[in-house]
Amino acid sequence: MLVSQSTREAFAPIRVVGRLIAFVSVVSLGLVMLLIVYFTSTGVEEFTESVRFSRANRKPSNRRRHWYNRV
């Protein structure tokens, strides 16, 4: 006996996964575009002399110094 099935029914689960992948791709591209618009509209803050001197003259902390936290 020969059993046949339509291709629409046979590939239905694969079609759902493909649509899910496409949806996630479109949403992630939209979020990346929103991040780009946000960061280009806010601009970068200038690094002023007062900030540099205030960081250089601050008191040393009492935290333990680790190999990854050396100054």
N, C-alpha and C. Protein backbone atom coordinates (compact mmCIF):
# COMPACT_ATOMS: atom_id res chain seq x y z
N MET A 1 0.85 -1.16 0.00
CA MET A 1 0.00 0.00 0.00
C MET A 1 0.91 1.24 0.00
N LEU A 2 0.54 2.22 -0.76
CA LEU A 2 1.29 3.46 -0.89
C LEU A 2 0.53 4.57 -0.17
N VAL A 3 1.22 5.21 0.76
CA VAL A 3 0.60 6.29 1.52
C VAL A 3 1.21 7.59 1.08
N SER A 4 0.38 8.55 0.83
CA SER A 4 0.90 9.86 0.43
C SER A 4 0.29 10.94 1.31
N GLN A 5 1.01 12.03 1.39
CA GLN A 5 0.57 13.16 2.22
C GLN A 5 0.90 14.43 1.46
N SER A 6 0.05 15.40 1.60
CA SER A 6 0.32 16.65 0.88
C SER A 6 1.52 17.35 1.51
N THR A 7 2.24 18.07 0.70
CA THR A 7 3.43 18.76 1.20
C THR A 7 3.06 19.85 2.20
N ARG A 8 1.90 20.44 2.05
CA ARG A 8 1.46 21.48 3.00
C ARG A 8 1.34 20.90 4.40
N GLU A 9 0.78 19.70 4.51
CA GLU A 9 0.65 19.06 5.82
C GLU A 9 1.99 18.52 6.32
N ALA A 10 2.81 18.05 5.42
CA ALA A 10 4.08 17.45 5.82
C ALA A 10 5.06 18.48 6.38
N PHE A 11 5.08 19.67 5.79
CA PHE A 11 6.03 20.70 6.21
C PHE A 11 5.42 21.76 7.12
N ALA A 12 4.29 21.49 7.71
CA ALA A 12 3.63 22.46 8.59
C ALA A 12 4.49 22.81 9.81
N PRO A 13 5.09 21.84 10.52
CA PRO A 13 5.92 22.22 11.67
C PRO A 13 7.14 23.06 11.29
N ILE A 14 7.73 22.77 10.15
CA ILE A 14 8.91 23.53 9.70
C ILE A 14 8.51 24.96 9.35
N ARG A 15 7.32 25.13 8.81
CA ARG A 15 6.84 26.46 8.44
C ARG A 15 6.67 27.33 9.69
N VAL A 16 6.19 26.75 10.78
CA VAL A 16 6.00 27.50 12.02
C VAL A 16 7.35 27.96 12.57
N VAL A 17 8.34 27.09 12.55
CA VAL A 17 9.67 27.45 13.04
C VAL A 17 10.28 28.55 12.17
N GLY A 18 10.10 28.46 10.88
CA GLY A 18 10.61 29.49 9.97
C GLY A 18 9.97 30.84 10.24
N ARG A 19 8.67 30.84 10.49
CA ARG A 19 7.99 32.11 10.80
C ARG A 19 8.45 32.68 12.13
N LEU A 20 8.70 31.80 13.11
CA LEU A 20 9.19 32.27 14.41
C LEU A 20 10.58 32.89 14.27
N ILE A 21 11.44 32.26 13.50
CA ILE A 21 12.78 32.81 13.28
C ILE A 21 12.70 34.16 12.57
N ALA A 22 11.83 34.27 11.59
CA ALA A 22 11.67 35.54 10.88
C ALA A 22 11.13 36.63 11.80
N PHE A 23 10.18 36.27 12.66
CA PHE A 23 9.62 37.24 13.60
C PHE A 23 10.67 37.74 14.59
N VAL A 24 11.44 36.83 15.15
CA VAL A 24 12.49 37.22 16.10
C VAL A 24 13.54 38.09 15.40
N SER A 25 13.86 37.78 14.16
CA SER A 25 14.83 38.59 13.42
C SER A 25 14.33 40.00 13.20
N VAL A 26 13.07 40.14 12.84
CA VAL A 26 12.50 41.47 12.60
C VAL A 26 12.44 42.28 13.90
N VAL A 27 12.05 41.64 14.99
CA VAL A 27 12.00 42.34 16.28
C VAL A 27 13.39 42.77 16.72
N SER A 28 14.38 41.90 16.57
CA SER A 28 15.74 42.27 16.98
C SER A 28 16.30 43.40 16.11
N LEU A 29 16.02 43.39 14.83
CA LEU A 29 16.46 44.51 13.98
C LEU A 29 15.79 45.81 14.39
N GLY A 30 14.53 45.74 14.77
CA GLY A 30 13.83 46.93 15.26
C GLY A 30 14.45 47.47 16.53
N LEU A 31 14.82 46.58 17.44
CA LEU A 31 15.45 47.02 18.69
C LEU A 31 16.83 47.63 18.45
N VAL A 32 17.58 47.05 17.53
CA VAL A 32 18.89 47.62 17.20
C VAL A 32 18.71 49.01 16.59
N MET A 33 17.71 49.18 15.76
CA MET A 33 17.45 50.50 15.18
C MET A 33 17.08 51.51 16.27
N LEU A 34 16.28 51.08 17.25
CA LEU A 34 15.94 51.99 18.35
C LEU A 34 17.17 52.39 19.16
N LEU A 35 18.07 51.43 19.40
CA LEU A 35 19.31 51.76 20.12
C LEU A 35 20.17 52.74 19.33
N ILE A 36 20.26 52.54 18.03
CA ILE A 36 21.04 53.45 17.19
C ILE A 36 20.46 54.85 17.23
N VAL A 37 19.14 54.96 17.12
CA VAL A 37 18.49 56.27 17.16
C VAL A 37 18.70 56.93 18.52
N TYR A 38 18.59 56.15 19.59
CA TYR A 38 18.75 56.72 20.93
C TYR A 38 20.17 57.26 21.13
N PHE A 39 21.17 56.46 20.79
CA PHE A 39 22.54 56.89 21.04
C PHE A 39 22.99 58.00 20.10
N THR A 40 22.47 58.06 18.90
CA THR A 40 22.84 59.17 18.02
C THR A 40 22.12 60.45 18.42
N SER A 41 20.94 60.35 19.00
CA SER A 41 20.21 61.57 19.38
C SER A 41 20.72 62.15 20.70
N THR A 42 21.21 61.31 21.62
CA THR A 42 21.68 61.84 22.90
C THR A 42 23.09 62.40 22.80
N GLY A 43 23.91 61.87 21.93
CA GLY A 43 25.27 62.38 21.77
C GLY A 43 26.20 61.86 22.84
N VAL A 44 27.48 62.17 22.69
CA VAL A 44 28.50 61.72 23.63
C VAL A 44 28.89 62.91 24.49
N GLU A 45 28.96 62.69 25.79
CA GLU A 45 29.34 63.76 26.71
C GLU A 45 30.84 64.03 26.60
N GLU A 46 31.19 65.30 26.61
CA GLU A 46 32.59 65.68 26.52
C GLU A 46 33.32 65.32 27.81
N PHE A 47 34.56 64.91 27.68
CA PHE A 47 35.40 64.59 28.83
C PHE A 47 36.16 65.84 29.21
N THR A 48 35.73 66.50 30.28
CA THR A 48 36.30 67.79 30.65
C THR A 48 37.50 67.62 31.58
N GLU A 49 38.23 68.70 31.76
CA GLU A 49 39.40 68.69 32.64
C GLU A 49 39.00 68.45 34.09
N SER A 50 37.87 69.02 34.51
CA SER A 50 37.46 68.88 35.91
C SER A 50 37.17 67.43 36.25
N VAL A 51 36.61 66.69 35.33
CA VAL A 51 36.33 65.28 35.58
C VAL A 51 37.64 64.51 35.70
N ARG A 52 38.60 64.81 34.86
CA ARG A 52 39.87 64.10 34.90
C ARG A 52 40.60 64.37 36.22
N PHE A 53 40.62 65.63 36.67
CA PHE A 53 41.30 65.95 37.92
C PHE A 53 40.56 65.41 39.13
N SER A 54 39.24 65.39 39.08
CA SER A 54 38.50 64.87 40.23
C SER A 54 38.70 63.37 40.37
N ARG A 55 38.87 62.66 39.28
CA ARG A 55 39.12 61.23 39.35
C ARG A 55 40.55 60.95 39.84
N ALA A 56 41.48 61.82 39.48
CA ALA A 56 42.87 61.59 39.87
C ALA A 56 43.08 61.91 41.35
N ASN A 57 42.32 62.83 41.92
CA ASN A 57 42.53 63.27 43.29
C ASN A 57 41.60 62.62 44.31
N ARG A 58 40.85 61.62 43.92
CA ARG A 58 39.92 61.04 44.89
C ARG A 58 40.67 60.13 45.87
N LYS A 59 40.05 59.89 47.00
CA LYS A 59 40.67 59.09 48.05
C LYS A 59 40.71 57.62 47.63
N PRO A 60 41.74 56.92 48.01
CA PRO A 60 41.78 55.49 47.68
C PRO A 60 40.73 54.74 48.50
N SER A 61 40.16 53.75 47.92
CA SER A 61 39.12 53.00 48.62
C SER A 61 39.75 51.95 49.53
N ASN A 62 38.98 51.49 50.48
CA ASN A 62 39.44 50.48 51.42
C ASN A 62 39.15 49.06 50.94
N ARG A 63 38.69 48.93 49.71
CA ARG A 63 38.39 47.61 49.18
C ARG A 63 39.67 46.81 48.99
N ARG A 64 39.52 45.49 49.07
CA ARG A 64 40.67 44.63 48.78
C ARG A 64 41.02 44.76 47.31
N ARG A 65 42.28 44.81 47.05
CA ARG A 65 42.72 44.91 45.66
C ARG A 65 42.93 43.52 45.11
N HIS A 66 42.29 43.25 44.00
CA HIS A 66 42.41 41.98 43.31
C HIS A 66 43.28 42.14 42.09
N TRP A 67 43.65 41.05 41.48
CA TRP A 67 44.48 41.12 40.28
C TRP A 67 43.74 41.82 39.15
N TYR A 68 42.40 41.78 39.16
CA TYR A 68 41.64 42.42 38.08
C TYR A 68 41.25 43.85 38.44
N ASN A 69 41.57 44.29 39.66
CA ASN A 69 41.17 45.62 40.11
C ASN A 69 42.37 46.48 40.47
N ARG A 70 43.49 46.26 39.82
CA ARG A 70 44.70 47.03 40.14
C ARG A 70 44.63 48.42 39.55
N VAL A 71 45.26 49.33 40.25
CA VAL A 71 45.30 50.71 39.78
C VAL A 71 46.69 51.05 39.34
